[in-house]
Amino acid sequence: TPVRAESPDRSPTPPPPLTMRVVAAYMLAKQAGKDGSAADIKAILSAAGVEADDAKIELLLKEIEGKDLEEMIKEGAEKLASMPAGGAAAAAAEPEPEPEEEEEEEDMGFDLFD
């Protein structure tokens, strides 16, 4: 992962995380036949009432530079298909618990509600 400038304590500062808003705006621009430039992404975010974060846009464009959107989607779908499906896999792995047998009440010689 790319590393940005050093922080005051000399540890590397990680880049800001990408948000789905930036990724979605890029994909919308590509679907609209645009090139997915920073200006395209900013225009889409602005139209949605979202303030564009230049650092996140630059990071996205740097990470996907030279890559084909359709190929990235295909690779992502393959990765998702190889992952277990949350609750369904866990439910299949755990057997159903057997219901507990109810204890019969013992006759103590009196009725609680008499």
C-alpha atoms as a PDB file:
ATOM      1  CA  THR A   1       0.000   0.000   0.000  1.00  0.00           C
ATOM      2  CA  PRO A   2       1.267   3.497  -0.728  1.00  0.00           C
ATOM      3  CA  VAL A   3       2.619   5.457   2.219  1.00  0.00           C
ATOM      4  CA  ARG A   4       2.279   9.214   2.560  1.00  0.00           C
ATOM      5  CA  ALA A   5       4.483  11.711   4.368  1.00  0.00           C
ATOM      6  CA  GLU A   6       5.809  10.978   7.814  1.00  0.00           C
ATOM      7  CA  SER A   7       3.874  12.162  10.839  1.00  0.00           C
ATOM      8  CA  PRO A   8       5.560  14.225  13.604  1.00  0.00           C
ATOM      9  CA  ASP A   9       6.533  11.065  15.511  1.00  0.00           C
ATOM     10  CA  ARG A  10       8.334   9.794  12.361  1.00  0.00           C
ATOM     11  CA  SER A  11       5.910   6.911  11.731  1.00  0.00           C
ATOM     12  CA  PRO A  12       4.559   6.673   8.172  1.00  0.00           C
ATOM     13  CA  THR A  13       1.069   8.038   7.744  1.00  0.00           C
ATOM     14  CA  PRO A  14      -1.179   5.670   5.793  1.00  0.00           C
ATOM     15  CA  PRO A  15      -3.184   7.058   2.892  1.00  0.00           C
ATOM     16  CA  PRO A  16      -6.823   7.902   3.554  1.00  0.00           C
ATOM     17  CA  PRO A  17      -9.114   4.929   3.013  1.00  0.00           C
ATOM     18  CA  LEU A  18     -11.194   4.892  -0.139  1.00  0.00           C
ATOM     19  CA  THR A  19     -14.891   5.309   0.351  1.00  0.00           C
ATOM     20  CA  MET A  20     -17.608   3.663  -1.668  1.00  0.00           C
ATOM     21  CA  ARG A  21     -18.800   7.110  -2.711  1.00  0.00           C
ATOM     22  CA  VAL A  22     -15.617   7.755  -4.671  1.00  0.00           C
ATOM     23  CA  VAL A  23     -15.585   4.261  -6.184  1.00  0.00           C
ATOM     24  CA  ALA A  24     -19.287   4.470  -7.069  1.00  0.00           C
ATOM     25  CA  ALA A  25     -18.825   7.897  -8.676  1.00  0.00           C
ATOM     26  CA  TYR A  26     -15.954   6.514 -10.776  1.00  0.00           C
ATOM     27  CA  MET A  27     -18.089   3.561 -11.888  1.00  0.00           C
ATOM     28  CA  LEU A  28     -21.023   5.853 -12.733  1.00  0.00           C
ATOM     29  CA  ALA A  29     -18.740   8.024 -14.837  1.00  0.00           C
ATOM     30  CA  LYS A  30     -17.459   4.970 -16.728  1.00  0.00           C
ATOM     31  CA  GLN A  31     -21.019   3.690 -17.259  1.00  0.00           C
ATOM     32  CA  ALA A  32     -21.921   7.090 -18.699  1.00  0.00           C
ATOM     33  CA  GLY A  33     -19.140   6.704 -21.255  1.00  0.00           C
ATOM     34  CA  LYS A  34     -16.801   9.200 -19.611  1.00  0.00           C
ATOM     35  CA  ASP A  35     -13.139   8.539 -18.880  1.00  0.00           C
ATOM     36  CA  GLY A  36     -13.555   8.546 -15.073  1.00  0.00           C
ATOM     37  CA  SER A  37     -11.261  11.502 -14.488  1.00  0.00           C
ATOM     38  CA  ALA A  38     -11.031  13.402 -11.227  1.00  0.00           C
ATOM     39  CA  ALA A  39     -13.261  16.098 -12.744  1.00  0.00           C
ATOM     40  CA  ASP A  40     -15.896  13.477 -13.688  1.00  0.00           C
ATOM     41  CA  ILE A  41     -15.850  12.016 -10.167  1.00  0.00           C
ATOM     42  CA  LYS A  42     -16.093  15.470  -8.559  1.00  0.00           C
ATOM     43  CA  ALA A  43     -19.029  16.423 -10.796  1.00  0.00           C
ATOM     44  CA  ILE A  44     -20.952  13.272  -9.854  1.00  0.00           C
ATOM     45  CA  LEU A  45     -20.250  13.681  -6.141  1.00  0.00           C
ATOM     46  CA  SER A  46     -21.215  17.359  -6.313  1.00  0.00           C
ATOM     47  CA  ALA A  47     -24.493  16.498  -8.048  1.00  0.00           C
ATOM     48  CA  ALA A  48     -25.224  14.095  -5.182  1.00  0.00           C
ATOM     49  CA  GLY A  49     -24.482  16.787  -2.615  1.00  0.00           C
ATOM     50  CA  VAL A  50     -21.246  15.143  -1.431  1.00  0.00           C
ATOM     51  CA  GLU A  51     -18.055  17.103  -0.884  1.00  0.00           C
ATOM     52  CA  ALA A  52     -15.255  15.577  -2.954  1.00  0.00           C
ATOM     53  CA  ASP A  53     -12.084  14.538  -1.132  1.00  0.00           C
ATOM     54  CA  ASP A  54      -9.203  15.167  -3.548  1.00  0.00           C
ATOM     55  CA  ALA A  55      -6.843  12.819  -1.687  1.00  0.00           C
ATOM     56  CA  LYS A  56      -9.271   9.898  -1.960  1.00  0.00           C
ATOM     57  CA  ILE A  57      -9.953  10.598  -5.634  1.00  0.00           C
ATOM     58  CA  GLU A  58      -6.222  10.771  -6.388  1.00  0.00           C
ATOM     59  CA  LEU A  59      -5.645   7.530  -4.483  1.00  0.00           C
ATOM     60  CA  LEU A  60      -8.373   5.725  -6.419  1.00  0.00           C
ATOM     61  CA  LEU A  61      -7.090   6.933  -9.776  1.00  0.00           C
ATOM     62  CA  LYS A  62      -3.542   5.925  -8.833  1.00  0.00           C
ATOM     63  CA  GLU A  63      -4.640   2.444  -7.700  1.00  0.00           C
ATOM     64  CA  ILE A  64      -6.634   1.713 -10.871  1.00  0.00           C
ATOM     65  CA  GLU A  65      -4.291   3.358 -13.356  1.00  0.00           C
ATOM     66  CA  GLY A  66      -3.916   1.139 -16.433  1.00  0.00           C
ATOM     67  CA  LYS A  67      -6.587  -1.335 -15.286  1.00  0.00           C
ATOM     68  CA  ASP A  68      -9.773  -2.241 -17.120  1.00  0.00           C
ATOM     69  CA  LEU A  69     -12.985  -1.686 -15.111  1.00  0.00           C
ATOM     70  CA  GLU A  70     -14.695  -4.795 -16.496  1.00  0.00           C
ATOM     71  CA  GLU A  71     -11.670  -6.933 -15.599  1.00  0.00           C
ATOM     72  CA  MET A  72     -11.552  -5.495 -12.061  1.00  0.00           C
ATOM     73  CA  ILE A  73     -15.258  -6.294 -11.604  1.00  0.00           C
ATOM     74  CA  LYS A  74     -14.719  -9.835 -12.887  1.00  0.00           C
ATOM     75  CA  GLU A  75     -11.757 -10.393 -10.530  1.00  0.00           C
ATOM     76  CA  GLY A  76     -13.748  -9.027  -7.609  1.00  0.00           C
ATOM     77  CA  ALA A  77     -16.702 -11.294  -8.361  1.00  0.00           C
ATOM     78  CA  GLU A  78     -14.373 -14.313  -8.453  1.00  0.00           C
ATOM     79  CA  LYS A  79     -12.919 -13.355  -5.071  1.00  0.00           C
ATOM     80  CA  LEU A  80     -16.407 -12.956  -3.584  1.00  0.00           C
ATOM     81  CA  ALA A  81     -17.500 -16.319  -4.972  1.00  0.00           C
ATOM     82  CA  SER A  82     -14.606 -18.047  -3.196  1.00  0.00           C
ATOM     83  CA  MET A  83     -15.585 -16.648   0.208  1.00  0.00           C
ATOM     84  CA  PRO A  84     -17.935 -18.548   2.545  1.00  0.00           C
ATOM     85  CA  ALA A  85     -21.409 -17.077   2.736  1.00  0.00           C
ATOM     86  CA  GLY A  86     -21.682 -15.875   6.347  1.00  0.00           C
ATOM     87  CA  GLY A  87     -24.642 -17.354   8.196  1.00  0.00           C
ATOM     88  CA  ALA A  88     -25.459 -20.100   5.707  1.00  0.00           C
ATOM     89  CA  ALA A  89     -22.044 -21.754   6.076  1.00  0.00           C
ATOM     90  CA  ALA A  90     -22.068 -21.430   9.855  1.00  0.00           C
ATOM     91  CA  ALA A  91     -25.601 -22.798  10.111  1.00  0.00           C
ATOM     92  CA  ALA A  92     -24.730 -25.783   7.956  1.00  0.00           C
ATOM     93  CA  ALA A  93     -21.676 -26.564  10.096  1.00  0.00           C
ATOM     94  CA  GLU A  94     -23.519 -26.527  13.425  1.00  0.00           C
ATOM     95  CA  PRO A  95     -25.995 -29.323  14.130  1.00  0.00           C
ATOM     96  CA  GLU A  96     -29.421 -28.463  15.496  1.00  0.00           C
ATOM     97  CA  PRO A  97     -29.493 -28.638  19.292  1.00  0.00           C
ATOM     98  CA  GLU A  98     -31.789 -31.342  20.602  1.00  0.00           C
ATOM     99  CA  PRO A  99     -34.757 -30.027  22.547  1.00  0.00           C
ATOM    100  CA  GLU A 100     -34.480 -30.525  26.285  1.00  0.00           C
ATOM    101  CA  GLU A 101     -36.863 -32.958  27.852  1.00  0.00           C
ATOM    102  CA  GLU A 102     -39.354 -31.326  30.145  1.00  0.00           C
ATOM    103  CA  GLU A 103     -39.344 -32.608  33.668  1.00  0.00           C
ATOM    104  CA  GLU A 104     -42.636 -33.878  34.970  1.00  0.00           C
ATOM    105  CA  GLU A 105     -43.957 -32.079  37.981  1.00  0.00           C
ATOM    106  CA  GLU A 106     -43.903 -34.127  41.123  1.00  0.00           C
ATOM    107  CA  ASP A 107     -47.114 -34.368  43.083  1.00  0.00           C
ATOM    108  CA  MET A 108     -46.331 -32.732  46.424  1.00  0.00           C
ATOM    109  CA  GLY A 109     -49.722 -33.333  47.940  1.00  0.00           C
ATOM    110  CA  PHE A 110     -51.067 -29.803  47.537  1.00  0.00           C
ATOM    111  CA  ASP A 111     -52.080 -27.428  44.748  1.00  0.00           C
ATOM    112  CA  LEU A 112     -50.352 -24.079  44.573  1.00  0.00           C
ATOM    113  CA  PHE A 113     -53.537 -22.288  43.511  1.00  0.00           C
ATOM    114  CA  ASP A 114     -56.024 -23.761  45.996  1.00  0.00           C
END
